[in-house]
Each structure stands twice: as structure tokens, then as C-alpha cells.
């Protein structure tokens, strides 16, 4: 989602040619790191892919926001809560999985989901403006559910 932001901005501001060039650049970097990872098998290719994605993340964003009112720092400020929450959740899940070796795969999956979701929500809500943002998400869900109920009631009357 973060990497697709640059494409949306570039295309919507009429700079699709630059978007194409950045896409070719990104694809080249990914292919190169795939090839470099081949000697280490699937793990090497996966590691190369991960590294490539981090390497090609920033240049398209810099070019995308260059001719707009959006500053790069504004973009990163807006994603800080999810990034911090995700990293904390990932670390917590990594620690948890070291203790779940003996469980069945289904129980491990269920436990991991519950613990990681809880960690994410707690960390997110503890960050500045986190609780406010969670409340706004919940209000969107409420609106959707209310709209669905109204549509179901009108269908029953018909």
C-alpha cells in the first residue's frame, strides 16, 4: 500500500511517464536482487526481494511528492502509528512463537492472531492521537452497519 501511493500521486498529477520509468527502475532492482539471492535458494530470493522493496521505496515517493503540496515528512508522519504498532506487534509475535512450538498449528494460528491483534490495538491506542483514530474507524463501521440495516429493512418491505 505504501509503495502504491507514489503511483497514485504520479498518475493523478499527469506524470505517468515518470511512473513508468520508476516502475522499470524498481523491476530492475528486484530482478537483480532475485538473481543475487539465487545461490542461497528460496530464502536468499525472499531476502533479496525484501531488501529490494526497501531500496525502491523512497525514490518514487520523493519524485511523487516533488511537485505537490505534500511533503515527505507529512507522509511519514501519517503512517507512523501503524508502522510503530506493526513493528511492535511483529516483535511480540516473534517472541510468542518461540514458546508455541508444542501447540498444534491451528491453536498456534488462533493464539498468534489474538495476541498480535491485541498488541497492535494497545500500542496504536497508546500513541498520540491513536485512540481518536480508532474511534473514527469504529464510527465508519457503525455507519456501514447502519446503512446495511436500512437496506435490509427496505428490501423486506418490498
N, C-alpha and C. Protein backbone atom coordinates (compact mmCIF):
# COMPACT_ATOMS: atom_id res chain seq x y z
N UNK A 1 0.80 -1.21 0.00
CA UNK A 1 0.00 0.00 0.00
C UNK A 1 0.84 1.28 0.00
N UNK A 2 1.93 1.28 0.76
CA UNK A 2 2.75 2.49 0.81
C UNK A 2 3.39 2.74 -0.55
N UNK A 3 3.90 1.68 -1.15
CA UNK A 3 4.58 1.86 -2.45
C UNK A 3 3.62 2.25 -3.56
N UNK A 4 2.36 1.84 -3.45
CA UNK A 4 1.40 2.21 -4.48
C UNK A 4 0.97 3.67 -4.39
N UNK A 5 1.23 4.30 -3.25
CA UNK A 5 0.89 5.71 -3.07
C UNK A 5 1.57 6.58 -4.11
N UNK A 6 2.84 6.30 -4.38
CA UNK A 6 3.57 7.12 -5.35
C UNK A 6 2.94 6.99 -6.74
N UNK A 7 2.50 5.81 -7.10
CA UNK A 7 1.85 5.62 -8.39
C UNK A 7 0.55 6.40 -8.50
N UNK A 8 -0.24 6.38 -7.44
CA UNK A 8 -1.49 7.13 -7.45
C UNK A 8 -1.24 8.63 -7.61
N UNK A 9 -0.24 9.13 -6.90
CA UNK A 9 0.07 10.56 -6.97
C UNK A 9 0.62 10.92 -8.35
N UNK A 10 1.53 10.11 -8.87
CA UNK A 10 2.13 10.42 -10.17
C UNK A 10 1.10 10.39 -11.29
N UNK A 11 0.27 9.37 -11.33
CA UNK A 11 -0.74 9.27 -12.39
C UNK A 11 -1.78 10.38 -12.27
N UNK A 12 -2.22 10.66 -11.04
CA UNK A 12 -3.25 11.69 -10.87
C UNK A 12 -2.73 13.10 -11.12
N UNK A 13 -1.41 13.29 -11.09
CA UNK A 13 -0.85 14.61 -11.40
C UNK A 13 -0.30 14.67 -12.82
N UNK A 14 -0.64 13.68 -13.64
CA UNK A 14 -0.25 13.70 -15.05
C UNK A 14 1.19 13.35 -15.32
N UNK A 15 1.81 12.63 -14.43
CA UNK A 15 3.21 12.27 -14.62
C UNK A 15 3.37 10.75 -14.78
N UNK A 16 2.55 10.18 -15.63
CA UNK A 16 2.58 8.72 -15.82
C UNK A 16 3.87 8.24 -16.49
N UNK A 17 4.49 9.08 -17.30
CA UNK A 17 5.76 8.70 -17.93
C UNK A 17 6.85 8.48 -16.85
N UNK A 18 6.88 9.36 -15.87
CA UNK A 18 7.81 9.20 -14.76
C UNK A 18 7.48 7.94 -13.97
N UNK A 19 6.19 7.68 -13.79
CA UNK A 19 5.74 6.47 -13.10
C UNK A 19 6.25 5.22 -13.82
N UNK A 20 6.19 5.23 -15.14
CA UNK A 20 6.70 4.12 -15.94
C UNK A 20 8.21 3.94 -15.72
N UNK A 21 8.94 5.04 -15.77
CA UNK A 21 10.40 4.96 -15.58
C UNK A 21 10.75 4.42 -14.19
N UNK A 22 10.04 4.90 -13.18
CA UNK A 22 10.29 4.41 -11.83
C UNK A 22 9.91 2.93 -11.70
N UNK A 23 8.87 2.52 -12.41
CA UNK A 23 8.48 1.11 -12.40
C UNK A 23 9.54 0.22 -13.03
N UNK A 24 10.11 0.67 -14.13
CA UNK A 24 11.19 -0.08 -14.79
C UNK A 24 12.41 -0.15 -13.86
N UNK A 25 12.73 0.97 -13.23
CA UNK A 25 13.85 1.00 -12.27
C UNK A 25 13.60 0.01 -11.14
N UNK A 26 12.41 0.04 -10.56
CA UNK A 26 12.07 -0.85 -9.45
C UNK A 26 12.11 -2.32 -9.86
N UNK A 27 11.58 -2.63 -11.03
CA UNK A 27 11.59 -4.01 -11.51
C UNK A 27 13.01 -4.50 -11.74
N UNK A 28 13.86 -3.62 -12.24
CA UNK A 28 15.26 -3.98 -12.47
C UNK A 28 15.97 -4.30 -11.15
N UNK A 29 15.74 -3.46 -10.14
CA UNK A 29 16.35 -3.68 -8.83
C UNK A 29 15.86 -5.00 -8.24
N UNK A 30 14.56 -5.27 -8.34
CA UNK A 30 14.01 -6.52 -7.80
C UNK A 30 14.61 -7.72 -8.51
N UNK A 31 14.66 -7.69 -9.84
CA UNK A 31 15.24 -8.81 -10.60
C UNK A 31 16.71 -9.02 -10.24
N UNK A 32 17.45 -7.94 -10.11
CA UNK A 32 18.87 -8.04 -9.77
C UNK A 32 19.05 -8.71 -8.39
N UNK A 33 18.25 -8.30 -7.43
CA UNK A 33 18.38 -8.89 -6.10
C UNK A 33 17.84 -10.31 -6.04
N UNK A 34 16.87 -10.65 -6.89
CA UNK A 34 16.45 -12.05 -7.03
C UNK A 34 17.65 -12.89 -7.47
N UNK A 35 18.32 -12.42 -8.50
CA UNK A 35 19.47 -13.15 -9.05
C UNK A 35 20.58 -13.28 -8.01
N UNK A 36 20.84 -12.18 -7.29
CA UNK A 36 21.87 -12.23 -6.25
C UNK A 36 21.51 -13.20 -5.13
N UNK A 37 20.22 -13.40 -4.88
CA UNK A 37 19.78 -14.31 -3.82
C UNK A 37 19.72 -15.76 -4.22
N UNK A 38 19.79 -16.05 -5.52
CA UNK A 38 19.67 -17.43 -6.01
C UNK A 38 20.63 -18.43 -5.37
N UNK A 39 21.89 -18.09 -5.15
CA UNK A 39 22.80 -19.07 -4.54
C UNK A 39 22.34 -19.57 -3.16
N UNK A 40 21.49 -18.82 -2.48
CA UNK A 40 21.01 -19.21 -1.15
C UNK A 40 19.60 -19.80 -1.21
N UNK A 41 19.13 -20.11 -2.39
CA UNK A 41 17.83 -20.77 -2.54
C UNK A 41 16.66 -19.82 -2.28
N UNK A 42 15.55 -20.43 -1.87
CA UNK A 42 14.32 -19.67 -1.65
C UNK A 42 14.49 -18.58 -0.60
N UNK A 43 15.25 -18.89 0.44
CA UNK A 43 15.48 -17.90 1.49
C UNK A 43 16.26 -16.70 0.96
N UNK A 44 17.24 -16.96 0.11
CA UNK A 44 18.03 -15.88 -0.48
C UNK A 44 17.21 -15.01 -1.40
N UNK A 45 16.34 -15.65 -2.19
CA UNK A 45 15.46 -14.89 -3.10
C UNK A 45 14.48 -14.04 -2.29
N UNK A 46 13.90 -14.64 -1.25
CA UNK A 46 12.96 -13.89 -0.40
C UNK A 46 13.66 -12.72 0.29
N UNK A 47 14.86 -12.95 0.77
CA UNK A 47 15.63 -11.88 1.41
C UNK A 47 15.96 -10.78 0.40
N UNK A 48 16.36 -11.18 -0.81
CA UNK A 48 16.64 -10.21 -1.86
C UNK A 48 15.42 -9.37 -2.21
N UNK A 49 14.26 -10.03 -2.26
CA UNK A 49 13.01 -9.33 -2.55
C UNK A 49 12.69 -8.31 -1.46
N UNK A 50 12.87 -8.72 -0.19
CA UNK A 50 12.60 -7.81 0.92
C UNK A 50 13.53 -6.60 0.87
N UNK A 51 14.80 -6.87 0.66
CA UNK A 51 15.78 -5.77 0.58
C UNK A 51 15.46 -4.84 -0.60
N UNK A 52 15.11 -5.43 -1.74
CA UNK A 52 14.78 -4.63 -2.92
C UNK A 52 13.60 -3.70 -2.64
N UNK A 53 12.59 -4.21 -1.97
CA UNK A 53 11.42 -3.39 -1.68
C UNK A 53 11.76 -2.21 -0.78
N UNK A 54 12.67 -2.40 0.15
CA UNK A 54 13.08 -1.28 0.98
C UNK A 54 13.93 -0.28 0.19
N UNK A 55 14.77 -0.80 -0.70
CA UNK A 55 15.62 0.09 -1.51
C UNK A 55 14.81 0.95 -2.48
N UNK A 56 13.75 0.39 -3.03
CA UNK A 56 12.98 1.13 -4.04
C UNK A 56 11.78 1.88 -3.46
N UNK A 57 11.64 1.89 -2.16
CA UNK A 57 10.50 2.56 -1.54
C UNK A 57 10.61 4.09 -1.62
N UNK A 58 11.75 4.62 -1.26
CA UNK A 58 11.89 6.07 -1.11
C UNK A 58 11.97 6.86 -2.43
N UNK A 59 12.74 6.44 -3.43
CA UNK A 59 12.82 7.26 -4.66
C UNK A 59 11.48 7.59 -5.30
N UNK A 60 10.56 6.63 -5.47
CA UNK A 60 9.27 7.01 -6.07
C UNK A 60 8.48 8.00 -5.22
N UNK A 61 8.58 7.87 -3.89
CA UNK A 61 7.86 8.81 -3.03
C UNK A 61 8.44 10.22 -3.15
N UNK A 62 9.75 10.31 -3.23
CA UNK A 62 10.40 11.62 -3.38
C UNK A 62 9.92 12.29 -4.67
N UNK A 63 9.94 11.55 -5.77
CA UNK A 63 9.51 12.11 -7.05
C UNK A 63 8.01 12.38 -7.08
N UNK A 64 7.23 11.53 -6.44
CA UNK A 64 5.78 11.71 -6.46
C UNK A 64 5.36 12.99 -5.76
N UNK A 65 5.96 13.27 -4.62
CA UNK A 65 5.55 14.45 -3.84
C UNK A 65 6.28 15.72 -4.25
N UNK A 66 7.26 15.60 -5.14
CA UNK A 66 8.11 16.73 -5.52
C UNK A 66 7.31 17.93 -6.02
N UNK A 67 6.34 17.73 -6.85
CA UNK A 67 5.58 18.84 -7.43
C UNK A 67 4.19 18.97 -6.82
N UNK A 68 4.05 18.58 -5.55
CA UNK A 68 2.77 18.69 -4.87
C UNK A 68 2.97 19.45 -3.56
N UNK A 69 1.87 19.70 -2.89
CA UNK A 69 1.94 20.37 -1.59
C UNK A 69 2.32 19.39 -0.48
N UNK A 70 2.26 18.11 -0.77
CA UNK A 70 2.56 17.09 0.22
C UNK A 70 4.07 16.99 0.41
N UNK A 71 4.48 17.05 1.64
CA UNK A 71 5.90 16.90 1.96
C UNK A 71 6.14 15.46 2.40
N UNK A 72 7.32 14.97 2.14
CA UNK A 72 7.68 13.60 2.50
C UNK A 72 7.52 13.38 4.01
N UNK A 73 7.88 14.38 4.80
CA UNK A 73 7.76 14.23 6.26
C UNK A 73 6.29 14.12 6.68
N UNK A 74 5.38 14.79 5.96
CA UNK A 74 3.95 14.67 6.26
C UNK A 74 3.46 13.26 5.99
N UNK A 75 3.94 12.70 4.90
CA UNK A 75 3.55 11.33 4.55
C UNK A 75 4.01 10.36 5.63
N UNK A 76 5.28 10.45 6.02
CA UNK A 76 5.81 9.52 7.02
C UNK A 76 5.19 9.77 8.39
N UNK A 77 4.87 11.01 8.69
CA UNK A 77 4.19 11.29 9.96
C UNK A 77 2.81 10.62 9.98
N UNK A 78 2.14 10.59 8.84
CA UNK A 78 0.81 9.99 8.80
C UNK A 78 0.81 8.47 8.94
N UNK A 79 1.92 7.83 8.62
CA UNK A 79 1.98 6.37 8.74
C UNK A 79 2.74 5.90 9.99
N UNK A 80 3.17 6.82 10.83
CA UNK A 80 3.98 6.46 11.98
C UNK A 80 3.25 5.53 12.95
N UNK A 81 2.00 5.82 13.28
CA UNK A 81 1.28 4.97 14.24
C UNK A 81 1.16 3.53 13.73
N UNK A 82 0.71 3.33 12.50
CA UNK A 82 0.65 1.94 12.02
C UNK A 82 2.02 1.26 11.94
N UNK A 83 3.06 2.00 11.57
CA UNK A 83 4.39 1.41 11.47
C UNK A 83 4.89 0.97 12.85
N UNK A 84 4.79 1.85 13.82
CA UNK A 84 5.25 1.52 15.18
C UNK A 84 4.44 0.36 15.74
N UNK A 85 3.13 0.40 15.55
CA UNK A 85 2.27 -0.67 16.05
C UNK A 85 2.60 -2.00 15.37
N UNK A 86 2.82 -1.97 14.06
CA UNK A 86 3.14 -3.19 13.32
C UNK A 86 4.48 -3.78 13.74
N UNK A 87 5.49 -2.93 13.88
CA UNK A 87 6.81 -3.42 14.30
C UNK A 87 6.76 -4.02 15.70
N UNK A 88 6.05 -3.36 16.61
CA UNK A 88 5.91 -3.89 17.97
C UNK A 88 5.15 -5.21 17.95
N UNK A 89 4.09 -5.27 17.17
CA UNK A 89 3.32 -6.50 17.05
C UNK A 89 4.18 -7.62 16.49
N UNK A 90 4.96 -7.32 15.46
CA UNK A 90 5.82 -8.33 14.86
C UNK A 90 6.85 -8.86 15.85
N UNK A 91 7.44 -7.96 16.63
CA UNK A 91 8.41 -8.37 17.64
C UNK A 91 7.74 -9.24 18.71
N UNK A 92 6.56 -8.82 19.14
CA UNK A 92 5.82 -9.60 20.14
C UNK A 92 5.45 -10.98 19.61
N UNK A 93 5.04 -11.04 18.35
CA UNK A 93 4.69 -12.32 17.74
C UNK A 93 5.91 -13.21 17.59
N UNK A 94 7.04 -12.62 17.25
CA UNK A 94 8.29 -13.38 17.16
C UNK A 94 8.62 -14.01 18.51
N UNK A 95 8.50 -13.23 19.58
CA UNK A 95 8.76 -13.76 20.92
C UNK A 95 7.76 -14.85 21.29
N UNK A 96 6.50 -14.61 20.97
CA UNK A 96 5.45 -15.58 21.29
C UNK A 96 5.68 -16.91 20.59
N UNK A 97 6.05 -16.87 19.33
CA UNK A 97 6.21 -18.10 18.55
C UNK A 97 7.34 -18.99 19.07
N UNK A 98 8.28 -18.40 19.79
CA UNK A 98 9.34 -19.24 20.38
C UNK A 98 8.79 -20.11 21.50
N UNK A 99 7.64 -19.73 22.07
CA UNK A 99 7.04 -20.50 23.15
C UNK A 99 5.91 -21.42 22.67
N UNK A 100 5.51 -21.32 21.44
CA UNK A 100 4.38 -22.09 20.94
C UNK A 100 4.78 -23.30 20.11
N UNK A 101 5.98 -23.79 20.25
CA UNK A 101 6.47 -24.91 19.45
C UNK A 101 5.65 -26.18 19.64
N UNK A 102 5.15 -26.41 20.83
CA UNK A 102 4.47 -27.66 21.15
C UNK A 102 3.00 -27.68 20.74
N UNK A 103 2.42 -26.55 20.40
CA UNK A 103 0.99 -26.48 20.08
C UNK A 103 0.70 -26.94 18.65
N UNK A 104 -0.55 -27.31 18.43
CA UNK A 104 -0.97 -27.65 17.08
C UNK A 104 -0.96 -26.39 16.22
N UNK A 105 -0.91 -26.57 14.92
CA UNK A 105 -0.82 -25.43 14.01
C UNK A 105 -2.06 -24.54 14.11
N UNK A 106 -3.23 -25.15 14.28
CA UNK A 106 -4.47 -24.37 14.39
C UNK A 106 -4.49 -23.54 15.67
N UNK A 107 -4.08 -24.14 16.77
CA UNK A 107 -4.05 -23.42 18.04
C UNK A 107 -2.98 -22.32 18.01
N UNK A 108 -1.86 -22.60 17.36
CA UNK A 108 -0.80 -21.60 17.20
C UNK A 108 -1.31 -20.41 16.39
N UNK A 109 -2.02 -20.71 15.32
CA UNK A 109 -2.57 -19.64 14.46
C UNK A 109 -3.58 -18.79 15.23
N UNK A 110 -4.49 -19.44 15.95
CA UNK A 110 -5.51 -18.71 16.71
C UNK A 110 -4.86 -17.86 17.81
N UNK A 111 -3.93 -18.44 18.56
CA UNK A 111 -3.25 -17.71 19.62
C UNK A 111 -2.46 -16.53 19.04
N UNK A 112 -1.76 -16.77 17.95
CA UNK A 112 -0.98 -15.71 17.31
C UNK A 112 -1.87 -14.56 16.87
N UNK A 113 -3.02 -14.89 16.28
CA UNK A 113 -3.95 -13.86 15.82
C UNK A 113 -4.45 -13.01 16.99
N UNK A 114 -4.89 -13.68 18.05
CA UNK A 114 -5.44 -12.96 19.19
C UNK A 114 -4.38 -12.09 19.88
N UNK A 115 -3.20 -12.65 20.10
CA UNK A 115 -2.15 -11.89 20.78
C UNK A 115 -1.66 -10.74 19.90
N UNK A 116 -1.41 -10.99 18.62
CA UNK A 116 -0.90 -9.93 17.76
C UNK A 116 -1.92 -8.81 17.57
N UNK A 117 -3.18 -9.16 17.43
CA UNK A 117 -4.22 -8.13 17.31
C UNK A 117 -4.29 -7.27 18.56
N UNK A 118 -4.21 -7.93 19.71
CA UNK A 118 -4.26 -7.21 20.98
C UNK A 118 -3.07 -6.27 21.12
N UNK A 119 -1.87 -6.76 20.81
CA UNK A 119 -0.67 -5.92 20.89
C UNK A 119 -0.81 -4.71 19.97
N UNK A 120 -1.26 -4.94 18.73
CA UNK A 120 -1.39 -3.85 17.76
C UNK A 120 -2.34 -2.77 18.28
N UNK A 121 -3.52 -3.19 18.74
CA UNK A 121 -4.53 -2.23 19.20
C UNK A 121 -4.06 -1.46 20.42
N UNK A 122 -3.42 -2.16 21.36
CA UNK A 122 -2.93 -1.49 22.57
C UNK A 122 -1.85 -0.46 22.22
N UNK A 123 -0.87 -0.88 21.43
CA UNK A 123 0.22 0.05 21.07
C UNK A 123 -0.34 1.23 20.28
N UNK A 124 -1.20 0.96 19.31
CA UNK A 124 -1.80 2.02 18.49
C UNK A 124 -2.53 3.03 19.37
N UNK A 125 -3.32 2.53 20.32
CA UNK A 125 -4.12 3.43 21.15
C UNK A 125 -3.27 4.21 22.14
N UNK A 126 -2.08 3.70 22.50
CA UNK A 126 -1.21 4.41 23.42
C UNK A 126 -0.41 5.52 22.74
N UNK A 127 -0.29 5.47 21.43
CA UNK A 127 0.44 6.50 20.70
C UNK A 127 -0.40 7.77 20.59
N UNK A 128 0.24 8.95 20.42
CA UNK A 128 -0.53 10.20 20.32
C UNK A 128 -1.61 10.13 19.23
N UNK A 129 -2.80 10.54 19.59
CA UNK A 129 -3.98 10.57 18.71
C UNK A 129 -4.44 9.16 18.27
N UNK A 130 -3.87 8.12 18.86
CA UNK A 130 -4.24 6.76 18.48
C UNK A 130 -5.67 6.42 18.83
N UNK A 131 -6.08 6.78 20.03
CA UNK A 131 -7.46 6.49 20.47
C UNK A 131 -8.46 7.25 19.60
N UNK A 132 -8.14 8.47 19.26
CA UNK A 132 -9.02 9.27 18.39
C UNK A 132 -9.18 8.59 17.03
N UNK A 133 -8.08 8.09 16.47
CA UNK A 133 -8.14 7.44 15.17
C UNK A 133 -8.93 6.12 15.25
N UNK A 134 -8.76 5.38 16.31
CA UNK A 134 -9.52 4.13 16.48
C UNK A 134 -11.01 4.44 16.58
N UNK A 135 -11.37 5.50 17.30
CA UNK A 135 -12.78 5.89 17.40
C UNK A 135 -13.35 6.25 16.03
N UNK A 136 -12.54 6.93 15.20
CA UNK A 136 -13.04 7.29 13.87
C UNK A 136 -13.25 6.04 13.02
N UNK A 137 -12.35 5.04 13.14
CA UNK A 137 -12.54 3.78 12.42
C UNK A 137 -13.82 3.08 12.87
N UNK A 138 -14.05 3.07 14.18
CA UNK A 138 -15.26 2.44 14.71
C UNK A 138 -16.51 3.17 14.23
N UNK A 139 -16.43 4.49 14.10
CA UNK A 139 -17.60 5.23 13.61
C UNK A 139 -17.89 4.88 12.15
N UNK A 140 -16.85 4.60 11.36
CA UNK A 140 -17.06 4.17 9.98
C UNK A 140 -17.78 2.83 9.94
N UNK A 141 -17.37 1.93 10.80
CA UNK A 141 -18.01 0.61 10.87
C UNK A 141 -19.49 0.76 11.25
N UNK A 142 -19.74 1.64 12.20
CA UNK A 142 -21.12 1.89 12.64
C UNK A 142 -21.97 2.41 11.48
N UNK A 143 -21.42 3.34 10.71
CA UNK A 143 -22.13 3.91 9.56
C UNK A 143 -22.45 2.82 8.54
N UNK A 144 -21.47 1.98 8.24
CA UNK A 144 -21.68 0.90 7.27
C UNK A 144 -22.74 -0.07 7.76
N UNK A 145 -22.69 -0.43 9.03
CA UNK A 145 -23.66 -1.38 9.58
C UNK A 145 -25.07 -0.77 9.57
N UNK A 146 -25.18 0.50 9.93
CA UNK A 146 -26.48 1.16 9.92
C UNK A 146 -27.04 1.23 8.50
N UNK A 147 -26.19 1.52 7.53
CA UNK A 147 -26.63 1.58 6.14
C UNK A 147 -27.09 0.20 5.68
N UNK A 148 -26.35 -0.84 6.07
CA UNK A 148 -26.74 -2.21 5.71
C UNK A 148 -28.08 -2.60 6.32
N UNK A 149 -28.31 -2.19 7.57
CA UNK A 149 -29.58 -2.49 8.23
C UNK A 149 -30.74 -1.79 7.54
N UNK A 150 -30.54 -0.53 7.14
CA UNK A 150 -31.59 0.22 6.45
C UNK A 150 -31.93 -0.43 5.11
N UNK A 151 -30.89 -0.88 4.39
CA UNK A 151 -31.11 -1.53 3.09
C UNK A 151 -31.83 -2.85 3.28
N UNK A 152 -31.51 -3.61 4.31
CA UNK A 152 -32.19 -4.88 4.57
C UNK A 152 -33.65 -4.66 4.93
N UNK A 153 -33.92 -3.62 5.71
CA UNK A 153 -35.31 -3.32 6.09
C UNK A 153 -36.13 -2.89 4.88
N UNK A 154 -35.53 -2.11 3.98
CA UNK A 154 -36.27 -1.67 2.80
C UNK A 154 -36.50 -2.84 1.85
N UNK A 155 -35.60 -3.81 1.78
CA UNK A 155 -35.80 -4.99 0.94
C UNK A 155 -36.90 -5.87 1.49
N UNK A 156 -37.01 -5.96 2.80
CA UNK A 156 -38.06 -6.78 3.43
C UNK A 156 -39.44 -6.19 3.17
N UNK A 157 -39.53 -4.86 3.08
CA UNK A 157 -40.82 -4.18 2.85
C UNK A 157 -41.29 -4.38 1.42
N UNK A 158 -40.33 -4.57 0.49
CA UNK A 158 -40.67 -4.69 -0.92
C UNK A 158 -41.29 -6.02 -1.25
